[in-house]
Full PDB file with SEQRES, HELIX, SHEET, SSBOND, CRYST1, ORIGX, SCALE, CONECT and MASTER records, all heavy atoms in Angstrom:
SEQRES   1 A   34  THR THR ALA ALA ASN GLY VAL ALA GLU VAL MET GLN PRO          
SEQRES   2 A   34  GLY VAL HIS GLY GLU VAL VAL THR ASN ALA ALA ASP VAL          
SEQRES   3 A   34  PRO ARG LEU ALA SER ALA LEU ALA                              
HELIX    1 AA1 GLY A    6  VAL A   10  5                                   5    
HELIX    2 AA2 VAL A   26  LEU A   33  1                                   8    
CRYST1    1.000    1.000    1.000  90.00  90.00  90.00 P 1           1          
ORIGX1      1.000000  0.000000  0.000000        0.00000                         
ORIGX2      0.000000  1.000000  0.000000        0.00000                         
ORIGX3      0.000000  0.000000  1.000000        0.00000                         
SCALE1      1.000000  0.000000  0.000000        0.00000                         
SCALE2      0.000000  1.000000  0.000000        0.00000                         
SCALE3      0.000000  0.000000  1.000000        0.00000                         
ATOM      1  N   THR A   1     -84.854  -4.271-163.055  1.00  0.00           N  
ATOM      2  CA  THR A   1     -83.664  -4.360-163.892  1.00  0.00           C  
ATOM      3  C   THR A   1     -83.345  -5.829-164.155  1.00  0.00           C  
ATOM      4  O   THR A   1     -84.191  -6.706-163.942  1.00  0.00           O  
ATOM      5  CB  THR A   1     -82.481  -3.611-163.244  1.00  0.00           C  
ATOM      6  OG1 THR A   1     -81.390  -3.545-164.176  1.00  0.00           O  
ATOM      7  CG2 THR A   1     -82.028  -4.270-161.956  1.00  0.00           C  
ATOM      8  N   THR A   2     -82.125  -6.111-164.629  1.00  0.00           N  
ATOM      9  CA  THR A   2     -81.747  -7.473-164.992  1.00  0.00           C  
ATOM     10  C   THR A   2     -80.566  -7.954-164.160  1.00  0.00           C  
ATOM     11  O   THR A   2     -79.862  -7.166-163.524  1.00  0.00           O  
ATOM     12  CB  THR A   2     -81.355  -7.559-166.480  1.00  0.00           C  
ATOM     13  OG1 THR A   2     -80.141  -6.802-166.691  1.00  0.00           O  
ATOM     14  CG2 THR A   2     -82.455  -7.010-167.377  1.00  0.00           C  
ATOM     15  N   ALA A   3     -80.328  -9.257-164.219  1.00  0.00           N  
ATOM     16  CA  ALA A   3     -79.203  -9.849-163.500  1.00  0.00           C  
ATOM     17  C   ALA A   3     -77.869  -9.448-164.110  1.00  0.00           C  
ATOM     18  O   ALA A   3     -76.818  -9.649-163.484  1.00  0.00           O  
ATOM     19  CB  ALA A   3     -79.338 -11.369-163.491  1.00  0.00           C  
ATOM     20  N   ALA A   4     -77.878  -8.867-165.306  1.00  0.00           N  
ATOM     21  CA  ALA A   4     -76.650  -8.397-165.944  1.00  0.00           C  
ATOM     22  C   ALA A   4     -76.292  -6.987-165.510  1.00  0.00           C  
ATOM     23  O   ALA A   4     -75.446  -6.345-166.126  1.00  0.00           O  
ATOM     24  CB  ALA A   4     -76.804  -8.448-167.465  1.00  0.00           C  
ATOM     25  N   ASN A   5     -76.928  -6.499-164.465  1.00  0.00           N  
ATOM     26  CA  ASN A   5     -76.655  -5.181-163.884  1.00  0.00           C  
ATOM     27  C   ASN A   5     -76.070  -5.409-162.495  1.00  0.00           C  
ATOM     28  O   ASN A   5     -76.680  -6.081-161.652  1.00  0.00           O  
ATOM     29  CB  ASN A   5     -77.958  -4.380-163.799  1.00  0.00           C  
ATOM     30  CG  ASN A   5     -77.770  -2.971-163.261  1.00  0.00           C  
ATOM     31  OD1 ASN A   5     -76.684  -2.593-162.830  1.00  0.00           O  
ATOM     32  ND2 ASN A   5     -78.833  -2.199-163.271  1.00  0.00           N  
ATOM     33  N   GLY A   6     -74.875  -4.845-162.221  1.00  0.00           N  
ATOM     34  CA  GLY A   6     -74.248  -5.034-160.926  1.00  0.00           C  
ATOM     35  C   GLY A   6     -75.107  -4.596-159.762  1.00  0.00           C  
ATOM     36  O   GLY A   6     -74.968  -5.119-158.646  1.00  0.00           O  
ATOM     37  N   VAL A   7     -76.008  -3.640-159.970  1.00  0.00           N  
ATOM     38  CA  VAL A   7     -76.901  -3.195-158.902  1.00  0.00           C  
ATOM     39  C   VAL A   7     -77.761  -4.350-158.394  1.00  0.00           C  
ATOM     40  O   VAL A   7     -78.131  -4.397-157.218  1.00  0.00           O  
ATOM     41  CB  VAL A   7     -77.789  -2.030-159.392  1.00  0.00           C  
ATOM     42  CG1 VAL A   7     -78.912  -1.737-158.405  1.00  0.00           C  
ATOM     43  CG2 VAL A   7     -76.954  -0.779-159.588  1.00  0.00           C  
ATOM     44  N   ALA A   8     -78.076  -5.301-159.274  1.00  0.00           N  
ATOM     45  CA  ALA A   8     -78.967  -6.398-158.900  1.00  0.00           C  
ATOM     46  C   ALA A   8     -78.416  -7.204-157.737  1.00  0.00           C  
ATOM     47  O   ALA A   8     -79.185  -7.768-156.948  1.00  0.00           O  
ATOM     48  CB  ALA A   8     -79.210  -7.305-160.106  1.00  0.00           C  
ATOM     49  N   GLU A   9     -77.088  -7.257-157.603  1.00  0.00           N  
ATOM     50  CA  GLU A   9     -76.513  -8.078-156.534  1.00  0.00           C  
ATOM     51  C   GLU A   9     -76.657  -7.453-155.154  1.00  0.00           C  
ATOM     52  O   GLU A   9     -76.436  -8.142-154.151  1.00  0.00           O  
ATOM     53  CB  GLU A   9     -75.037  -8.376-156.843  1.00  0.00           C  
ATOM     54  CG  GLU A   9     -74.110  -7.199-156.820  1.00  0.00           C  
ATOM     55  CD  GLU A   9     -72.766  -7.503-157.468  1.00  0.00           C  
ATOM     56  OE1 GLU A   9     -72.737  -8.239-158.484  1.00  0.00           O  
ATOM     57  OE2 GLU A   9     -71.738  -7.021-156.968  1.00  0.00           O  
ATOM     58  N   VAL A  10     -77.026  -6.179-155.075  1.00  0.00           N  
ATOM     59  CA  VAL A  10     -77.247  -5.557-153.765  1.00  0.00           C  
ATOM     60  C   VAL A  10     -78.740  -5.363-153.486  1.00  0.00           C  
ATOM     61  O   VAL A  10     -79.113  -4.940-152.392  1.00  0.00           O  
ATOM     62  CB  VAL A  10     -76.508  -4.206-153.656  1.00  0.00           C  
ATOM     63  CG1 VAL A  10     -75.031  -4.384-153.925  1.00  0.00           C  
ATOM     64  CG2 VAL A  10     -77.107  -3.148-154.569  1.00  0.00           C  
ATOM     65  N   MET A  11     -79.588  -5.639-154.461  1.00  0.00           N  
ATOM     66  CA  MET A  11     -81.031  -5.507-154.297  1.00  0.00           C  
ATOM     67  C   MET A  11     -81.639  -6.798-153.749  1.00  0.00           C  
ATOM     68  O   MET A  11     -81.114  -7.884-153.982  1.00  0.00           O  
ATOM     69  CB  MET A  11     -81.704  -5.181-155.637  1.00  0.00           C  
ATOM     70  CG  MET A  11     -81.435  -3.801-156.189  1.00  0.00           C  
ATOM     71  SD  MET A  11     -82.119  -3.615-157.865  1.00  0.00           S  
ATOM     72  CE  MET A  11     -83.824  -4.154-157.642  1.00  0.00           C  
ATOM     73  N   GLN A  12     -82.740  -6.675-153.066  1.00  0.00           N  
ATOM     74  CA  GLN A  12     -83.542  -7.821-152.654  1.00  0.00           C  
ATOM     75  C   GLN A  12     -84.826  -7.812-153.473  1.00  0.00           C  
ATOM     76  O   GLN A  12     -85.689  -6.954-153.272  1.00  0.00           O  
ATOM     77  CB  GLN A  12     -83.864  -7.763-151.157  1.00  0.00           C  
ATOM     78  CG  GLN A  12     -84.617  -8.991-150.664  1.00  0.00           C  
ATOM     79  CD  GLN A  12     -84.871  -8.959-149.171  1.00  0.00           C  
ATOM     80  OE1 GLN A  12     -84.249  -8.181-148.447  1.00  0.00           O  
ATOM     81  NE2 GLN A  12     -85.793  -9.792-148.696  1.00  0.00           N  
ATOM     82  N   PRO A  13     -84.968  -8.749-154.423  1.00  0.00           N  
ATOM     83  CA  PRO A  13     -86.183  -8.779-155.247  1.00  0.00           C  
ATOM     84  C   PRO A  13     -87.429  -8.876-154.385  1.00  0.00           C  
ATOM     85  O   PRO A  13     -87.474  -9.593-153.388  1.00  0.00           O  
ATOM     86  CB  PRO A  13     -85.992 -10.040-156.100  1.00  0.00           C  
ATOM     87  CG  PRO A  13     -84.506 -10.233-156.158  1.00  0.00           C  
ATOM     88  CD  PRO A  13     -84.003  -9.789-154.815  1.00  0.00           C  
ATOM     89  N   GLY A  14     -88.437  -8.117-154.777  1.00  0.00           N  
ATOM     90  CA  GLY A  14     -89.665  -8.068-154.020  1.00  0.00           C  
ATOM     91  C   GLY A  14     -89.667  -7.015-152.939  1.00  0.00           C  
ATOM     92  O   GLY A  14     -90.729  -6.662-152.418  1.00  0.00           O  
ATOM     93  N   VAL A  15     -88.485  -6.506-152.599  1.00  0.00           N  
ATOM     94  CA  VAL A  15     -88.357  -5.458-151.578  1.00  0.00           C  
ATOM     95  C   VAL A  15     -87.941  -4.141-152.204  1.00  0.00           C  
ATOM     96  O   VAL A  15     -88.526  -3.095-151.944  1.00  0.00           O  
ATOM     97  CB  VAL A  15     -87.346  -5.870-150.485  1.00  0.00           C  
ATOM     98  CG1 VAL A  15     -87.149  -4.736-149.477  1.00  0.00           C  
ATOM     99  CG2 VAL A  15     -87.815  -7.141-149.774  1.00  0.00           C  
ATOM    100  N   HIS A  16     -86.915  -4.197-153.053  1.00  0.00           N  
ATOM    101  CA  HIS A  16     -86.388  -2.996-153.704  1.00  0.00           C  
ATOM    102  C   HIS A  16     -86.774  -2.922-155.177  1.00  0.00           C  
ATOM    103  O   HIS A  16     -86.325  -2.010-155.874  1.00  0.00           O  
ATOM    104  CB  HIS A  16     -84.862  -2.961-153.583  1.00  0.00           C  
ATOM    105  CG  HIS A  16     -84.373  -3.113-152.179  1.00  0.00           C  
ATOM    106  ND1 HIS A  16     -83.659  -4.214-151.759  1.00  0.00           N  
ATOM    107  CD2 HIS A  16     -84.506  -2.299-151.101  1.00  0.00           C  
ATOM    108  CE1 HIS A  16     -83.366  -4.077-150.473  1.00  0.00           C  
ATOM    109  NE2 HIS A  16     -83.870  -2.937-150.054  1.00  0.00           N  
ATOM    110  N   GLY A  17     -87.565  -3.864-155.645  1.00  0.00           N  
ATOM    111  CA  GLY A  17     -87.940  -3.939-157.053  1.00  0.00           C  
ATOM    112  C   GLY A  17     -87.902  -5.381-157.503  1.00  0.00           C  
ATOM    113  O   GLY A  17     -88.158  -6.298-156.724  1.00  0.00           O  
ATOM    114  N   GLU A  18     -87.541  -5.596-158.771  1.00  0.00           N  
ATOM    115  CA  GLU A  18     -87.465  -6.949-159.315  1.00  0.00           C  
ATOM    116  C   GLU A  18     -86.224  -7.087-160.188  1.00  0.00           C  
ATOM    117  O   GLU A  18     -85.750  -6.103-160.774  1.00  0.00           O  
ATOM    118  CB  GLU A  18     -88.704  -7.269-160.157  1.00  0.00           C  
ATOM    119  CG  GLU A  18     -90.029  -7.198-159.409  1.00  0.00           C  
ATOM    120  CD  GLU A  18     -90.175  -8.277-158.353  1.00  0.00           C  
ATOM    121  OE1 GLU A  18     -89.430  -9.285-158.394  1.00  0.00           O  
ATOM    122  OE2 GLU A  18     -91.039  -8.116-157.472  1.00  0.00           O  
ATOM    123  N   VAL A  19     -85.711  -8.315-160.283  1.00  0.00           N  
ATOM    124  CA  VAL A  19     -84.556  -8.628-161.123  1.00  0.00           C  
ATOM    125  C   VAL A  19     -84.966  -9.706-162.119  1.00  0.00           C  
ATOM    126  O   VAL A  19     -85.366 -10.808-161.718  1.00  0.00           O  
ATOM    127  CB  VAL A  19     -83.361  -9.109-160.279  1.00  0.00           C  
ATOM    128  CG1 VAL A  19     -82.196  -9.504-161.194  1.00  0.00           C  
ATOM    129  CG2 VAL A  19     -82.930  -8.026-159.299  1.00  0.00           C  
ATOM    130  N   VAL A  20     -84.892  -9.374-163.396  1.00  0.00           N  
ATOM    131  CA  VAL A  20     -85.229 -10.298-164.474  1.00  0.00           C  
ATOM    132  C   VAL A  20     -83.937 -10.915-165.002  1.00  0.00           C  
ATOM    133  O   VAL A  20     -82.929 -10.210-165.178  1.00  0.00           O  
ATOM    134  CB  VAL A  20     -85.976  -9.558-165.599  1.00  0.00           C  
ATOM    135  CG1 VAL A  20     -86.298 -10.492-166.755  1.00  0.00           C  
ATOM    136  CG2 VAL A  20     -87.253  -8.926-165.057  1.00  0.00           C  
ATOM    137  N   THR A  21     -83.948 -12.207-165.245  1.00  0.00           N  
ATOM    138  CA  THR A  21     -82.716 -12.887-165.673  1.00  0.00           C  
ATOM    139  C   THR A  21     -82.244 -12.404-167.030  1.00  0.00           C  
ATOM    140  O   THR A  21     -81.058 -12.091-167.221  1.00  0.00           O  
ATOM    141  CB  THR A  21     -82.946 -14.412-165.715  1.00  0.00           C  
ATOM    142  OG1 THR A  21     -83.341 -14.858-164.418  1.00  0.00           O  
ATOM    143  CG2 THR A  21     -81.670 -15.139-166.128  1.00  0.00           C  
ATOM    144  N   ASN A  22     -83.140 -12.293-167.990  1.00  0.00           N  
ATOM    145  CA  ASN A  22     -82.778 -11.978-169.370  1.00  0.00           C  
ATOM    146  C   ASN A  22     -83.558 -10.756-169.844  1.00  0.00           C  
ATOM    147  O   ASN A  22     -84.797 -10.743-169.763  1.00  0.00           O  
ATOM    148  CB  ASN A  22     -83.071 -13.186-170.275  1.00  0.00           C  
ATOM    149  CG  ASN A  22     -82.612 -12.999-171.707  1.00  0.00           C  
ATOM    150  OD1 ASN A  22     -82.186 -11.906-172.096  1.00  0.00           O  
ATOM    151  ND2 ASN A  22     -82.681 -14.050-172.490  1.00  0.00           N  
ATOM    152  N   ALA A  23     -82.862  -9.768-170.351  1.00  0.00           N  
ATOM    153  CA  ALA A  23     -83.522  -8.547-170.816  1.00  0.00           C  
ATOM    154  C   ALA A  23     -84.531  -8.825-171.918  1.00  0.00           C  
ATOM    155  O   ALA A  23     -85.551  -8.137-172.027  1.00  0.00           O  
ATOM    156  CB  ALA A  23     -82.478  -7.548-171.310  1.00  0.00           C  
ATOM    157  N   ALA A  24     -84.254  -9.828-172.754  1.00  0.00           N  
ATOM    158  CA  ALA A  24     -85.127 -10.129-173.894  1.00  0.00           C  
ATOM    159  C   ALA A  24     -86.373 -10.907-173.489  1.00  0.00           C  
ATOM    160  O   ALA A  24     -87.252 -11.136-174.333  1.00  0.00           O  
ATOM    161  CB  ALA A  24     -84.350 -10.919-174.945  1.00  0.00           C  
ATOM    162  N   ASP A  25     -86.485 -11.306-172.231  1.00  0.00           N  
ATOM    163  CA  ASP A  25     -87.671 -12.018-171.763  1.00  0.00           C  
ATOM    164  C   ASP A  25     -88.760 -10.983-171.455  1.00  0.00           C  
ATOM    165  O   ASP A  25     -89.009 -10.632-170.300  1.00  0.00           O  
ATOM    166  CB  ASP A  25     -87.317 -12.841-170.519  1.00  0.00           C  
ATOM    167  CG  ASP A  25     -88.460 -13.757-170.076  1.00  0.00           C  
ATOM    168  OD1 ASP A  25     -89.580 -13.621-170.621  1.00  0.00           O  
ATOM    169  OD2 ASP A  25     -88.233 -14.589-169.179  1.00  0.00           O  
ATOM    170  N   VAL A  26     -89.395 -10.502-172.505  1.00  0.00           N  
ATOM    171  CA  VAL A  26     -90.358  -9.412-172.371  1.00  0.00           C  
ATOM    172  C   VAL A  26     -91.563  -9.798-171.520  1.00  0.00           C  
ATOM    173  O   VAL A  26     -92.017  -8.991-170.690  1.00  0.00           O  
ATOM    174  CB  VAL A  26     -90.790  -8.903-173.761  1.00  0.00           C  
ATOM    175  CG1 VAL A  26     -91.897  -7.858-173.643  1.00  0.00           C  
ATOM    176  CG2 VAL A  26     -89.580  -8.303-174.488  1.00  0.00           C  
ATOM    177  N   PRO A  27     -92.131 -11.004-171.651  1.00  0.00           N  
ATOM    178  CA  PRO A  27     -93.251 -11.362-170.765  1.00  0.00           C  
ATOM    179  C   PRO A  27     -92.872 -11.304-169.284  1.00  0.00           C  
ATOM    180  O   PRO A  27     -93.660 -10.828-168.463  1.00  0.00           O  
ATOM    181  CB  PRO A  27     -93.606 -12.783-171.211  1.00  0.00           C  
ATOM    182  CG  PRO A  27     -93.169 -12.849-172.631  1.00  0.00           C  
ATOM    183  CD  PRO A  27     -91.925 -12.031-172.697  1.00  0.00           C  
ATOM    184  N   ARG A  28     -91.671 -11.787-168.949  1.00  0.00           N  
ATOM    185  CA  ARG A  28     -91.237 -11.728-167.554  1.00  0.00           C  
ATOM    186  C   ARG A  28     -91.014 -10.282-167.128  1.00  0.00           C  
ATOM    187  O   ARG A  28     -91.328  -9.900-165.995  1.00  0.00           O  
ATOM    188  CB  ARG A  28     -89.927 -12.523-167.390  1.00  0.00           C  
ATOM    189  CG  ARG A  28     -89.341 -12.479-165.993  1.00  0.00           C  
ATOM    190  CD  ARG A  28     -90.189 -13.226-164.990  1.00  0.00           C  
ATOM    191  NE  ARG A  28     -89.674 -13.089-163.642  1.00  0.00           N  
ATOM    192  CZ  ARG A  28     -90.014 -12.143-162.795  1.00  0.00           C  
ATOM    193  NH1 ARG A  28     -90.914 -11.228-163.159  1.00  0.00           N  
ATOM    194  NH2 ARG A  28     -89.506 -12.090-161.583  1.00  0.00           N  
ATOM    195  N   LEU A  29     -90.487  -9.473-168.003  1.00  0.00           N  
ATOM    196  CA  LEU A  29     -90.273  -8.058-167.693  1.00  0.00           C  
ATOM    197  C   LEU A  29     -91.605  -7.354-167.474  1.00  0.00           C  
ATOM    198  O   LEU A  29     -91.767  -6.580-166.515  1.00  0.00           O  
ATOM    199  CB  LEU A  29     -89.496  -7.397-168.826  1.00  0.00           C  
ATOM    200  CG  LEU A  29     -89.193  -5.898-168.685  1.00  0.00           C  
ATOM    201  CD1 LEU A  29     -88.357  -5.621-167.439  1.00  0.00           C  
ATOM    202  CD2 LEU A  29     -88.480  -5.382-169.930  1.00  0.00           C  
ATOM    203  N   ALA A  30     -92.573  -7.621-168.340  1.00  0.00           N  
ATOM    204  CA  ALA A  30     -93.889  -7.003-168.192  1.00  0.00           C  
ATOM    205  C   ALA A  30     -94.550  -7.443-166.889  1.00  0.00           C  
ATOM    206  O   ALA A  30     -95.192  -6.636-166.202  1.00  0.00           O  
ATOM    207  CB  ALA A  30     -94.771  -7.376-169.389  1.00  0.00           C  
ATOM    208  N   SER A  31     -94.375  -8.712-166.533  1.00  0.00           N  
ATOM    209  CA  SER A  31     -94.931  -9.213-165.277  1.00  0.00           C  
ATOM    210  C   SER A  31     -94.288  -8.523-164.078  1.00  0.00           C  
ATOM    211  O   SER A  31     -94.975  -8.190-163.106  1.00  0.00           O  
ATOM    212  CB  SER A  31     -94.724 -10.725-165.194  1.00  0.00           C  
ATOM    213  OG  SER A  31     -95.156 -11.236-163.951  1.00  0.00           O  
ATOM    214  N   ALA A  32     -92.966  -8.292-164.149  1.00  0.00           N  
ATOM    215  CA  ALA A  32     -92.269  -7.611-163.053  1.00  0.00           C  
ATOM    216  C   ALA A  32     -92.767  -6.178-162.900  1.00  0.00           C  
ATOM    217  O   ALA A  32     -92.947  -5.680-161.781  1.00  0.00           O  
ATOM    218  CB  ALA A  32     -90.763  -7.635-163.306  1.00  0.00           C  
ATOM    219  N   LEU A  33     -92.994  -5.508-164.021  1.00  0.00           N  
ATOM    220  CA  LEU A  33     -93.518  -4.143-163.959  1.00  0.00           C  
ATOM    221  C   LEU A  33     -94.938  -4.124-163.398  1.00  0.00           C  
ATOM    222  O   LEU A  33     -95.281  -3.288-162.557  1.00  0.00           O  
ATOM    223  CB  LEU A  33     -93.499  -3.517-165.359  1.00  0.00           C  
ATOM    224  CG  LEU A  33     -92.128  -3.239-165.971  1.00  0.00           C  
ATOM    225  CD1 LEU A  33     -92.272  -2.800-167.421  1.00  0.00           C  
ATOM    226  CD2 LEU A  33     -91.384  -2.178-165.164  1.00  0.00           C  
ATOM    227  N   ALA A  34     -95.773  -5.065-163.854  1.00  0.00           N  
ATOM    228  CA  ALA A  34     -97.161  -5.115-163.401  1.00  0.00           C  
ATOM    229  C   ALA A  34     -97.245  -5.320-161.893  1.00  0.00           C  
ATOM    230  O   ALA A  34     -98.154  -4.791-161.234  1.00  0.00           O  
ATOM    231  CB  ALA A  34     -97.898  -6.233-164.137  1.00  0.00           C  
TER     232      ALA A  34                                                      
MASTER        0    0    0    2    0    0    0    6  231    1    0    3          
END                                                                             
């Protein structure tokens, strides 16, 4: 998900998933999914 989602503040990136700063940053989003 993104940092603009309140859930992101309770998640630990790399443990519960990934947090992308900007939704429109598609390369970063694709990398997080990969």
